[in-house]
Amino acid sequence: MTDDITTSTAFKLHRATALIDRVSDEYLRREHGIRYAPFLVLLMVRLMGESSQRALAAALEVSRASITQRVSALVGLGLLAVVADPRDSRANIVSLTGAGAQLVTTAWAGLEQHQDGLDHGVDEPVLIAALDRIIANGERILGS
């Protein structure tokens, strides 16, 4: 039974994700003084542009309480700015500060170099296509 589990696609994807997350977290803590989870918030704000905390939570698939804590900590570090949403008095709009944008740029470039080798021997276009298919299948199953 154990062999069936450890050879399954789902198990291997979870294991690969956990290892990539650990490699990323170790690098970001050592070189940039930030953990991977809050860095993902910064990265998502960069990708999405100014966004509501609700939209960020949905994009990162975390609770609104979790995103509120992460955003608050990143505001305290001067990496994010938060303003009231003029269209919804109960919502906030989150944006990168100059320091936050610089950190994302520098840290992402460093991560790309630091993770060089994780994909050694992998046909990257084939892997990307397979991952895109798995993501699409998951979204279809969840009705996203």
Protein backbone atom coordinates (compact mmCIF):
# COMPACT_ATOMS: atom_id res chain seq x y z
CA MET A 1 0.00 0.00 0.00
CA THR A 2 2.78 2.47 0.92
CA ASP A 3 4.50 1.88 -2.43
CA ASP A 4 1.28 2.77 -4.24
CA ILE A 5 1.06 6.06 -2.36
CA THR A 6 4.68 7.12 -2.84
CA THR A 7 4.60 6.40 -6.55
CA SER A 8 1.36 8.31 -7.19
CA THR A 9 1.41 11.53 -9.18
CA ALA A 10 -0.34 13.45 -6.39
CA PHE A 11 2.20 12.33 -3.77
CA LYS A 12 5.13 13.23 -6.02
CA LEU A 13 3.63 16.67 -6.78
CA HIS A 14 3.16 17.34 -3.06
CA ARG A 15 6.73 16.23 -2.36
CA ALA A 16 8.17 18.37 -5.18
CA THR A 17 6.16 21.39 -4.04
CA ALA A 18 7.31 20.96 -0.44
CA LEU A 19 10.95 20.75 -1.53
CA ILE A 20 10.68 23.80 -3.81
CA ASP A 21 9.01 25.72 -0.98
CA ARG A 22 11.79 24.74 1.44
CA VAL A 23 14.55 25.69 -1.00
CA SER A 24 12.81 29.02 -1.64
CA ASP A 25 12.20 29.73 2.05
CA GLU A 26 15.81 28.94 2.98
CA TYR A 27 17.17 31.25 0.28
CA LEU A 28 14.75 34.12 0.99
CA ARG A 29 15.38 34.02 4.76
CA ARG A 30 19.15 33.90 4.35
CA GLU A 31 19.55 36.45 1.55
CA HIS A 32 16.58 38.79 1.97
CA GLY A 33 15.32 38.37 5.54
CA ILE A 34 11.82 37.31 4.48
CA ARG A 35 10.02 33.99 4.53
CA TYR A 36 8.46 32.44 1.45
CA ALA A 37 4.80 32.86 2.53
CA PRO A 38 4.97 36.66 2.91
CA PHE A 39 7.13 36.88 -0.21
CA LEU A 40 4.32 35.20 -2.14
CA VAL A 41 2.02 38.05 -1.06
CA LEU A 42 4.48 40.58 -2.47
CA LEU A 43 4.85 38.55 -5.65
CA MET A 44 1.08 38.30 -6.09
CA VAL A 45 0.63 42.06 -5.61
CA ARG A 46 3.26 42.57 -8.29
CA LEU A 47 1.44 40.21 -10.65
CA MET A 48 -2.06 41.54 -9.91
CA GLY A 49 -1.27 45.21 -9.38
CA GLU A 50 -3.18 47.13 -6.74
CA SER A 51 -5.66 44.64 -5.30
CA SER A 52 -8.11 44.17 -2.50
CA GLN A 53 -7.07 41.94 0.38
CA ARG A 54 -10.01 39.69 -0.53
CA ALA A 55 -8.67 39.27 -4.09
CA LEU A 56 -5.19 38.52 -2.75
CA ALA A 57 -6.55 35.90 -0.34
CA ALA A 58 -8.45 34.25 -3.19
CA ALA A 59 -5.44 34.31 -5.53
CA LEU A 60 -3.17 32.77 -2.88
CA GLU A 61 -5.91 30.41 -1.68
CA VAL A 62 -5.53 31.48 1.96
CA SER A 63 -8.05 32.80 4.46
CA ARG A 64 -8.82 36.50 4.73
CA ALA A 65 -7.52 36.38 8.32
CA SER A 66 -4.22 34.99 7.06
CA ILE A 67 -3.86 37.63 4.36
CA THR A 68 -4.73 40.37 6.86
CA GLN A 69 -1.89 39.20 9.15
CA ARG A 70 0.61 38.92 6.30
CA VAL A 71 -0.33 42.29 4.81
CA SER A 72 -0.11 43.97 8.22
CA ALA A 73 3.38 42.56 8.80
CA LEU A 74 4.52 43.63 5.31
CA VAL A 75 3.12 47.13 5.84
CA GLY A 76 5.13 47.25 9.09
CA LEU A 77 8.26 46.41 7.11
CA GLY A 78 7.51 49.17 4.61
CA LEU A 79 7.03 46.71 1.73
CA LEU A 80 3.29 47.21 1.18
CA ALA A 81 0.94 50.17 1.42
CA VAL A 82 -2.75 49.89 2.29
CA VAL A 83 -5.47 52.45 1.60
CA ALA A 84 -9.21 52.31 2.05
CA ASP A 85 -11.09 51.19 -1.04
CA PRO A 86 -13.07 54.23 -2.24
CA ARG A 87 -15.75 51.89 -3.66
CA ASP A 88 -16.17 49.73 -0.55
CA SER A 89 -15.71 51.18 2.93
CA ARG A 90 -15.17 47.67 4.35
CA ALA A 91 -12.28 46.84 2.01
CA ASN A 92 -8.66 47.88 1.61
CA ILE A 93 -6.50 48.21 -1.49
CA VAL A 94 -2.96 46.85 -1.23
CA SER A 95 -0.01 48.01 -3.33
CA LEU A 96 3.75 47.55 -3.35
CA THR A 97 5.93 50.32 -2.02
CA GLY A 98 9.14 51.15 -3.84
CA ALA A 99 11.03 48.98 -1.35
CA GLY A 100 8.55 46.14 -1.86
CA ALA A 101 8.87 46.33 -5.64
CA GLN A 102 12.66 46.33 -5.38
CA LEU A 103 12.63 43.33 -3.04
CA VAL A 104 10.40 41.35 -5.40
CA THR A 105 12.66 42.13 -8.37
CA THR A 106 15.90 41.32 -6.55
CA ALA A 107 14.63 38.29 -4.64
CA TRP A 108 12.91 36.76 -7.68
CA ALA A 109 16.10 37.04 -9.74
CA GLY A 110 18.04 35.47 -6.88
CA LEU A 111 15.50 32.68 -6.49
CA GLU A 112 15.75 31.88 -10.18
CA GLN A 113 19.54 31.50 -9.81
CA HIS A 114 19.36 29.72 -6.45
CA GLN A 115 16.85 27.19 -7.77
CA ASP A 116 18.92 26.59 -10.88
CA GLY A 117 19.48 22.86 -10.87
CA LEU A 118 16.11 21.87 -9.42
CA ASP A 119 14.96 21.19 -12.95
CA HIS A 120 18.22 19.50 -14.02
CA GLY A 121 17.45 16.72 -16.47
CA VAL A 122 13.82 17.80 -16.84
CA ASP A 123 12.30 18.63 -20.21
CA GLU A 124 10.94 21.99 -19.05
CA PRO A 125 8.44 22.62 -21.89
CA VAL A 126 6.95 19.15 -21.35
CA LEU A 127 6.79 19.69 -17.58
CA ILE A 128 5.13 23.10 -17.99
CA ALA A 129 2.55 21.62 -20.37
CA ALA A 130 1.83 18.78 -17.94
CA LEU A 131 1.49 21.18 -15.00
CA ASP A 132 -0.81 23.43 -17.03
CA ARG A 133 -2.97 20.37 -17.75
CA ILE A 134 -3.07 19.37 -14.06
CA ILE A 135 -4.00 22.94 -13.07
CA ALA A 136 -6.76 23.06 -15.69
CA ASN A 137 -8.06 19.66 -14.55
CA GLY A 138 -8.07 20.78 -10.92
CA GLU A 139 -9.90 24.00 -11.76
CA ARG A 140 -12.44 22.03 -13.79
CA ILE A 141 -13.02 19.59 -10.93
CA LEU A 142 -13.46 22.47 -8.47
CA GLY A 143 -15.68 24.35 -10.88
CA SER A 144 -13.38 27.38 -10.96
